[in-house]
Amino acid sequence: IIGLTGLVVGGKLVVDNSVEIASSMGVSEKIIGLTIVAAGTSLPELLTSVVAALKKNSDIAIGNVIGSNIFNIFLILSISSIIKPISYNLKFNWDLLLLIVGTLLLLVFMLTGKKKKLDRWEAVILFLIYASYTTYLVIQEI
């Protein structure tokens, strides 16, 4: 319970302070949301997945990622929209396209090969896509 509390408090501190610093530097809300807030709120998931992978419980790591995405899209987005309807912004078309491509790539990577697992080289591809996209967003902001 101490570890969980530390994760929650630490994640909140990282997100709150990062958002404040980024906002004071004039960074757009889109960039803050797609990078800082996303990373800060995903730190507990990352830690859970890493621990599960180290303990050879890869199903927990994969289930954590898939479950988190389902939860965020269907529950968080819907409840937020129930409270205050969210208008669609065409600027998010590329972000949604990247989400779809990433999901399809993960599906292909997981279902191909003899062992039906995400190999290191496939994980590197996914990470490079994320790093490239984040870099692209930051460059667009400058």
C-alpha atoms as a PDB file:
ATOM      1  CA  ILE A   1       0.000   0.000   0.000  1.00  0.00           C
ATOM      2  CA  ILE A   2       2.958   2.333   0.613  1.00  0.00           C
ATOM      3  CA  GLY A   3       4.241   1.711  -2.912  1.00  0.00           C
ATOM      4  CA  LEU A   4       0.829   2.407  -4.419  1.00  0.00           C
ATOM      5  CA  THR A   5       0.504   5.608  -2.411  1.00  0.00           C
ATOM      6  CA  GLY A   6       3.979   6.672  -3.540  1.00  0.00           C
ATOM      7  CA  LEU A   7       3.075   6.020  -7.171  1.00  0.00           C
ATOM      8  CA  VAL A   8      -0.131   8.040  -6.961  1.00  0.00           C
ATOM      9  CA  VAL A   9       1.421  10.960  -5.062  1.00  0.00           C
ATOM     10  CA  GLY A  10       4.560  10.932  -7.221  1.00  0.00           C
ATOM     11  CA  GLY A  11       2.537  10.812 -10.437  1.00  0.00           C
ATOM     12  CA  LYS A  12       0.383  13.715  -9.272  1.00  0.00           C
ATOM     13  CA  LEU A  13       3.436  15.790  -8.368  1.00  0.00           C
ATOM     14  CA  VAL A  14       5.081  15.086 -11.722  1.00  0.00           C
ATOM     15  CA  VAL A  15       1.951  15.944 -13.701  1.00  0.00           C
ATOM     16  CA  ASP A  16       0.965  19.055 -11.725  1.00  0.00           C
ATOM     17  CA  ASN A  17       4.427  20.586 -11.734  1.00  0.00           C
ATOM     18  CA  SER A  18       5.181  19.655 -15.338  1.00  0.00           C
ATOM     19  CA  VAL A  19       1.907  21.166 -16.528  1.00  0.00           C
ATOM     20  CA  GLU A  20       2.599  24.342 -14.571  1.00  0.00           C
ATOM     21  CA  ILE A  21       6.128  24.679 -16.006  1.00  0.00           C
ATOM     22  CA  ALA A  22       4.995  23.880 -19.571  1.00  0.00           C
ATOM     23  CA  SER A  23       2.077  26.311 -19.359  1.00  0.00           C
ATOM     24  CA  SER A  24       4.349  29.081 -18.113  1.00  0.00           C
ATOM     25  CA  MET A  25       6.587  28.431 -21.134  1.00  0.00           C
ATOM     26  CA  GLY A  26       3.642  28.815 -23.512  1.00  0.00           C
ATOM     27  CA  VAL A  27       3.353  25.155 -24.486  1.00  0.00           C
ATOM     28  CA  SER A  28      -0.086  24.330 -25.925  1.00  0.00           C
ATOM     29  CA  GLU A  29      -2.612  22.239 -24.030  1.00  0.00           C
ATOM     30  CA  LYS A  30      -2.513  19.635 -26.810  1.00  0.00           C
ATOM     31  CA  ILE A  31       1.227  19.073 -26.353  1.00  0.00           C
ATOM     32  CA  ILE A  32       0.877  19.046 -22.572  1.00  0.00           C
ATOM     33  CA  GLY A  33      -1.911  16.462 -22.800  1.00  0.00           C
ATOM     34  CA  LEU A  34      -0.234  14.241 -25.393  1.00  0.00           C
ATOM     35  CA  THR A  35       3.121  14.198 -23.628  1.00  0.00           C
ATOM     36  CA  ILE A  36       3.389  15.338 -20.010  1.00  0.00           C
ATOM     37  CA  VAL A  37      -0.029  14.338 -18.699  1.00  0.00           C
ATOM     38  CA  ALA A  38      -0.044  11.102 -20.710  1.00  0.00           C
ATOM     39  CA  ALA A  39       3.398  10.115 -19.419  1.00  0.00           C
ATOM     40  CA  GLY A  40       2.670  11.174 -15.850  1.00  0.00           C
ATOM     41  CA  THR A  41      -0.587   9.269 -15.617  1.00  0.00           C
ATOM     42  CA  SER A  42       0.998   6.229 -17.288  1.00  0.00           C
ATOM     43  CA  LEU A  43       3.947   5.935 -14.892  1.00  0.00           C
ATOM     44  CA  PRO A  44       2.065   3.564 -12.548  1.00  0.00           C
ATOM     45  CA  GLU A  45       1.086   1.420 -15.545  1.00  0.00           C
ATOM     46  CA  LEU A  46       4.665   1.405 -16.790  1.00  0.00           C
ATOM     47  CA  LEU A  47       5.956   0.281 -13.410  1.00  0.00           C
ATOM     48  CA  THR A  48       3.276  -2.402 -13.148  1.00  0.00           C
ATOM     49  CA  SER A  49       4.064  -3.704 -16.630  1.00  0.00           C
ATOM     50  CA  VAL A  50       7.825  -3.721 -16.045  1.00  0.00           C
ATOM     51  CA  VAL A  51       7.445  -5.604 -12.751  1.00  0.00           C
ATOM     52  CA  ALA A  52       5.056  -8.079 -14.403  1.00  0.00           C
ATOM     53  CA  ALA A  53       7.465  -8.619 -17.307  1.00  0.00           C
ATOM     54  CA  LEU A  54      10.396  -9.145 -14.934  1.00  0.00           C
ATOM     55  CA  LYS A  55       8.346 -11.734 -13.060  1.00  0.00           C
ATOM     56  CA  LYS A  56       7.563 -13.510 -16.358  1.00  0.00           C
ATOM     57  CA  ASN A  57       3.875 -12.471 -16.182  1.00  0.00           C
ATOM     58  CA  SER A  58       3.687 -11.008 -19.660  1.00  0.00           C
ATOM     59  CA  ASP A  59      -0.091 -11.481 -19.827  1.00  0.00           C
ATOM     60  CA  ILE A  60      -0.467  -8.946 -17.027  1.00  0.00           C
ATOM     61  CA  ALA A  61       1.733  -6.451 -18.868  1.00  0.00           C
ATOM     62  CA  ILE A  62      -0.230  -6.800 -22.125  1.00  0.00           C
ATOM     63  CA  GLY A  63      -3.573  -6.825 -20.317  1.00  0.00           C
ATOM     64  CA  ASN A  64      -2.555  -3.680 -18.446  1.00  0.00           C
ATOM     65  CA  VAL A  65      -1.845  -1.799 -21.680  1.00  0.00           C
ATOM     66  CA  ILE A  66      -4.959  -2.984 -23.499  1.00  0.00           C
ATOM     67  CA  GLY A  67      -7.171  -2.542 -20.441  1.00  0.00           C
ATOM     68  CA  SER A  68      -5.865   0.957 -19.842  1.00  0.00           C
ATOM     69  CA  ASN A  69      -6.621   2.009 -23.411  1.00  0.00           C
ATOM     70  CA  ILE A  70     -10.125   0.531 -23.262  1.00  0.00           C
ATOM     71  CA  PHE A  71     -10.719   2.230 -19.904  1.00  0.00           C
ATOM     72  CA  ASN A  72      -9.452   5.615 -21.118  1.00  0.00           C
ATOM     73  CA  ILE A  73     -11.377   5.609 -24.385  1.00  0.00           C
ATOM     74  CA  PHE A  74     -14.681   4.149 -23.240  1.00  0.00           C
ATOM     75  CA  LEU A  75     -14.969   5.249 -19.608  1.00  0.00           C
ATOM     76  CA  ILE A  76     -12.883   8.392 -19.090  1.00  0.00           C
ATOM     77  CA  LEU A  77     -13.788   9.979 -22.423  1.00  0.00           C
ATOM     78  CA  SER A  78     -17.469   9.110 -22.081  1.00  0.00           C
ATOM     79  CA  ILE A  79     -17.806  10.370 -18.504  1.00  0.00           C
ATOM     80  CA  SER A  80     -15.947  13.567 -19.399  1.00  0.00           C
ATOM     81  CA  SER A  81     -18.335  14.084 -22.324  1.00  0.00           C
ATOM     82  CA  ILE A  82     -21.381  13.395 -20.148  1.00  0.00           C
ATOM     83  CA  ILE A  83     -20.236  16.112 -17.753  1.00  0.00           C
ATOM     84  CA  LYS A  84     -19.380  18.572 -20.526  1.00  0.00           C
ATOM     85  CA  PRO A  85     -19.754  17.637 -24.203  1.00  0.00           C
ATOM     86  CA  ILE A  86     -16.437  17.646 -26.033  1.00  0.00           C
ATOM     87  CA  SER A  87     -16.342  19.146 -29.512  1.00  0.00           C
ATOM     88  CA  TYR A  88     -14.186  17.401 -32.084  1.00  0.00           C
ATOM     89  CA  ASN A  89     -11.124  19.249 -33.285  1.00  0.00           C
ATOM     90  CA  LEU A  90      -9.764  18.359 -36.743  1.00  0.00           C
ATOM     91  CA  LYS A  91      -6.231  18.831 -35.364  1.00  0.00           C
ATOM     92  CA  PHE A  92      -6.608  15.464 -33.646  1.00  0.00           C
ATOM     93  CA  ASN A  93      -7.028  13.540 -36.930  1.00  0.00           C
ATOM     94  CA  TRP A  94      -3.304  12.718 -37.089  1.00  0.00           C
ATOM     95  CA  ASP A  95      -3.268  11.740 -33.422  1.00  0.00           C
ATOM     96  CA  LEU A  96      -6.168   9.362 -33.940  1.00  0.00           C
ATOM     97  CA  LEU A  97      -4.534   7.953 -37.064  1.00  0.00           C
ATOM     98  CA  LEU A  98      -1.360   7.302 -35.085  1.00  0.00           C
ATOM     99  CA  LEU A  99      -3.411   5.597 -32.353  1.00  0.00           C
ATOM    100  CA  ILE A 100      -5.010   3.321 -34.961  1.00  0.00           C
ATOM    101  CA  VAL A 101      -1.670   2.559 -36.650  1.00  0.00           C
ATOM    102  CA  GLY A 102      -0.032   1.811 -33.303  1.00  0.00           C
ATOM    103  CA  THR A 103      -2.863  -0.515 -32.312  1.00  0.00           C
ATOM    104  CA  LEU A 104      -2.708  -2.341 -35.643  1.00  0.00           C
ATOM    105  CA  LEU A 105       1.078  -2.634 -35.422  1.00  0.00           C
ATOM    106  CA  LEU A 106       0.818  -4.102 -31.923  1.00  0.00           C
ATOM    107  CA  LEU A 107      -1.770  -6.582 -33.180  1.00  0.00           C
ATOM    108  CA  VAL A 108       0.425  -7.619 -36.115  1.00  0.00           C
ATOM    109  CA  PHE A 109       3.535  -7.860 -33.913  1.00  0.00           C
ATOM    110  CA  MET A 110       1.748  -9.967 -31.292  1.00  0.00           C
ATOM    111  CA  LEU A 111       0.143 -12.364 -33.754  1.00  0.00           C
ATOM    112  CA  THR A 112       3.097 -12.981 -36.063  1.00  0.00           C
ATOM    113  CA  GLY A 113       6.141 -15.098 -35.482  1.00  0.00           C
ATOM    114  CA  LYS A 114       6.460 -18.537 -34.012  1.00  0.00           C
ATOM    115  CA  LYS A 115       6.281 -17.552 -30.361  1.00  0.00           C
ATOM    116  CA  LYS A 116       3.399 -15.068 -30.630  1.00  0.00           C
ATOM    117  CA  LYS A 117       5.172 -12.450 -28.542  1.00  0.00           C
ATOM    118  CA  LEU A 118       6.364  -8.868 -28.842  1.00  0.00           C
ATOM    119  CA  ASP A 119      10.064  -9.183 -29.639  1.00  0.00           C
ATOM    120  CA  ARG A 120      12.625  -6.569 -28.651  1.00  0.00           C
ATOM    121  CA  TRP A 121      13.057  -5.289 -32.205  1.00  0.00           C
ATOM    122  CA  GLU A 122       9.285  -4.829 -32.484  1.00  0.00           C
ATOM    123  CA  ALA A 123       9.236  -2.983 -29.178  1.00  0.00           C
ATOM    124  CA  VAL A 124      12.051  -0.760 -30.450  1.00  0.00           C
ATOM    125  CA  ILE A 125       9.956   0.073 -33.528  1.00  0.00           C
ATOM    126  CA  LEU A 126       6.994   1.057 -31.337  1.00  0.00           C
ATOM    127  CA  PHE A 127       9.252   3.140 -29.091  1.00  0.00           C
ATOM    128  CA  LEU A 128      10.874   4.889 -32.065  1.00  0.00           C
ATOM    129  CA  ILE A 129       7.454   5.762 -33.454  1.00  0.00           C
ATOM    130  CA  TYR A 130       6.501   7.273 -30.094  1.00  0.00           C
ATOM    131  CA  ALA A 131       9.781   9.182 -29.783  1.00  0.00           C
ATOM    132  CA  SER A 132       9.541  10.436 -33.369  1.00  0.00           C
ATOM    133  CA  TYR A 133       5.969  11.570 -32.916  1.00  0.00           C
ATOM    134  CA  THR A 134       6.736  13.352 -29.657  1.00  0.00           C
ATOM    135  CA  THR A 135       9.712  15.067 -31.303  1.00  0.00           C
ATOM    136  CA  TYR A 136       7.501  16.078 -34.228  1.00  0.00           C
ATOM    137  CA  LEU A 137       4.948  17.597 -31.836  1.00  0.00           C
ATOM    138  CA  VAL A 138       7.592  19.575 -29.999  1.00  0.00           C
ATOM    139  CA  ILE A 139       9.145  20.838 -33.243  1.00  0.00           C
ATOM    140  CA  GLN A 140       5.711  21.915 -34.495  1.00  0.00           C
ATOM    141  CA  GLU A 141       5.254  23.851 -31.263  1.00  0.00           C
ATOM    142  CA  ILE A 142       8.501  25.796 -31.616  1.00  0.00           C
END
